[in-house]
Amino acid sequence: MALSKAIQFLGDAISSKELRDKCAEFKTRREMLKWLDFNDVEFEDAINMQLVKCRSADDAEFFHQLRMWFKLL
């Protein structure tokens, strides 16, 4: 169930600056993950699922950048 939330988050994070800004406002990563209702492992699984679907290196690069952004929060 939480994996589906992580997958949905990826789609929303791509298009929603408001969501990205909200994630950046949390004081701790733990608080942010609690609000998002998934964990780091589920996020990694969602990223890996998206990477498998990529048809070009540019598409894959986008998800690698999203992964790095998420880890920096």
C-alpha atoms as a PDB file:
ATOM      1  CA  MET A   1       0.000   0.000   0.000  1.00  0.00           C
ATOM      2  CA  ALA A   2       2.756   2.471   0.893  1.00  0.00           C
ATOM      3  CA  LEU A   3       4.640   1.556  -2.278  1.00  0.00           C
ATOM      4  CA  SER A   4       1.698   2.885  -4.266  1.00  0.00           C
ATOM      5  CA  LYS A   5       1.959   6.119  -2.268  1.00  0.00           C
ATOM      6  CA  ALA A   6       5.644   6.377  -3.165  1.00  0.00           C
ATOM      7  CA  ILE A   7       4.836   5.812  -6.836  1.00  0.00           C
ATOM      8  CA  GLN A   8       2.124   8.474  -6.671  1.00  0.00           C
ATOM      9  CA  PHE A   9       4.583  10.820  -4.972  1.00  0.00           C
ATOM     10  CA  LEU A  10       7.009  10.463  -7.883  1.00  0.00           C
ATOM     11  CA  GLY A  11       4.345  11.492 -10.344  1.00  0.00           C
ATOM     12  CA  ASP A  12       3.217  14.384  -8.169  1.00  0.00           C
ATOM     13  CA  ALA A  13       6.759  15.563  -7.409  1.00  0.00           C
ATOM     14  CA  ILE A  14       7.462  15.841 -11.125  1.00  0.00           C
ATOM     15  CA  SER A  15       4.632  18.275 -11.714  1.00  0.00           C
ATOM     16  CA  SER A  16       3.976  19.976  -8.373  1.00  0.00           C
ATOM     17  CA  LYS A  17       6.328  22.679  -7.191  1.00  0.00           C
ATOM     18  CA  GLU A  18       4.059  23.103  -4.156  1.00  0.00           C
ATOM     19  CA  LEU A  19       4.676  19.496  -3.126  1.00  0.00           C
ATOM     20  CA  ARG A  20       8.436  19.872  -3.541  1.00  0.00           C
ATOM     21  CA  ASP A  21       8.360  23.095  -1.510  1.00  0.00           C
ATOM     22  CA  LYS A  22       6.292  21.417   1.232  1.00  0.00           C
ATOM     23  CA  CYS A  23       8.792  18.541   1.436  1.00  0.00           C
ATOM     24  CA  ALA A  24      11.646  21.021   1.782  1.00  0.00           C
ATOM     25  CA  GLU A  25       9.907  22.714   4.740  1.00  0.00           C
ATOM     26  CA  PHE A  26      10.064  19.710   7.076  1.00  0.00           C
ATOM     27  CA  LYS A  27      12.671  19.941   9.805  1.00  0.00           C
ATOM     28  CA  THR A  28      13.497  16.240   9.704  1.00  0.00           C
ATOM     29  CA  ARG A  29      13.346  13.534   7.105  1.00  0.00           C
ATOM     30  CA  ARG A  30      11.394  11.360   9.557  1.00  0.00           C
ATOM     31  CA  GLU A  31       8.624  13.981   9.757  1.00  0.00           C
ATOM     32  CA  MET A  32       8.468  14.244   5.988  1.00  0.00           C
ATOM     33  CA  LEU A  33       8.267  10.464   5.507  1.00  0.00           C
ATOM     34  CA  LYS A  34       5.555  10.222   8.150  1.00  0.00           C
ATOM     35  CA  TRP A  35       3.559  12.916   6.314  1.00  0.00           C
ATOM     36  CA  LEU A  36       4.108  11.170   2.965  1.00  0.00           C
ATOM     37  CA  ASP A  37       3.185   7.809   4.557  1.00  0.00           C
ATOM     38  CA  PHE A  38       5.975   5.727   3.046  1.00  0.00           C
ATOM     39  CA  ASN A  39       9.586   4.934   3.934  1.00  0.00           C
ATOM     40  CA  ASP A  40      12.983   5.118   2.217  1.00  0.00           C
ATOM     41  CA  VAL A  41      12.852   1.513   1.023  1.00  0.00           C
ATOM     42  CA  GLU A  42       9.474   2.041  -0.618  1.00  0.00           C
ATOM     43  CA  PHE A  43      10.763   5.219  -2.251  1.00  0.00           C
ATOM     44  CA  GLU A  44      13.777   3.333  -3.655  1.00  0.00           C
ATOM     45  CA  ASP A  45      11.505   0.582  -4.945  1.00  0.00           C
ATOM     46  CA  ALA A  46       9.308   3.168  -6.672  1.00  0.00           C
ATOM     47  CA  ILE A  47      12.345   4.855  -8.253  1.00  0.00           C
ATOM     48  CA  ASN A  48      13.687   1.498  -9.461  1.00  0.00           C
ATOM     49  CA  MET A  49      10.311   0.627 -10.965  1.00  0.00           C
ATOM     50  CA  GLN A  50      10.340   3.908 -12.879  1.00  0.00           C
ATOM     51  CA  LEU A  51      13.929   3.425 -14.024  1.00  0.00           C
ATOM     52  CA  VAL A  52      13.033   0.066 -15.555  1.00  0.00           C
ATOM     53  CA  LYS A  53      10.349   1.812 -17.630  1.00  0.00           C
ATOM     54  CA  CYS A  54      12.693   4.505 -18.953  1.00  0.00           C
ATOM     55  CA  ARG A  55      13.266   4.489 -22.701  1.00  0.00           C
ATOM     56  CA  SER A  56      16.194   6.890 -22.790  1.00  0.00           C
ATOM     57  CA  ALA A  57      19.163   7.960 -20.731  1.00  0.00           C
ATOM     58  CA  ASP A  58      17.561  11.392 -20.312  1.00  0.00           C
ATOM     59  CA  ASP A  59      14.450   9.845 -18.756  1.00  0.00           C
ATOM     60  CA  ALA A  60      16.602   7.800 -16.400  1.00  0.00           C
ATOM     61  CA  GLU A  61      18.702  10.839 -15.504  1.00  0.00           C
ATOM     62  CA  PHE A  62      15.576  12.645 -14.386  1.00  0.00           C
ATOM     63  CA  PHE A  63      14.740   9.885 -11.891  1.00  0.00           C
ATOM     64  CA  HIS A  64      18.338   9.776 -10.662  1.00  0.00           C
ATOM     65  CA  GLN A  65      18.126  13.515 -10.015  1.00  0.00           C
ATOM     66  CA  LEU A  66      14.810  13.082  -8.227  1.00  0.00           C
ATOM     67  CA  ARG A  67      16.421  10.387  -6.070  1.00  0.00           C
ATOM     68  CA  MET A  68      19.304  12.718  -5.154  1.00  0.00           C
ATOM     69  CA  TRP A  69      16.906  15.610  -4.383  1.00  0.00           C
ATOM     70  CA  PHE A  70      14.879  13.327  -2.105  1.00  0.00           C
ATOM     71  CA  LYS A  71      17.980  12.114  -0.270  1.00  0.00           C
ATOM     72  CA  LEU A  72      19.137  15.680   0.321  1.00  0.00           C
ATOM     73  CA  LEU A  73      15.907  16.624   2.059  1.00  0.00           C
END
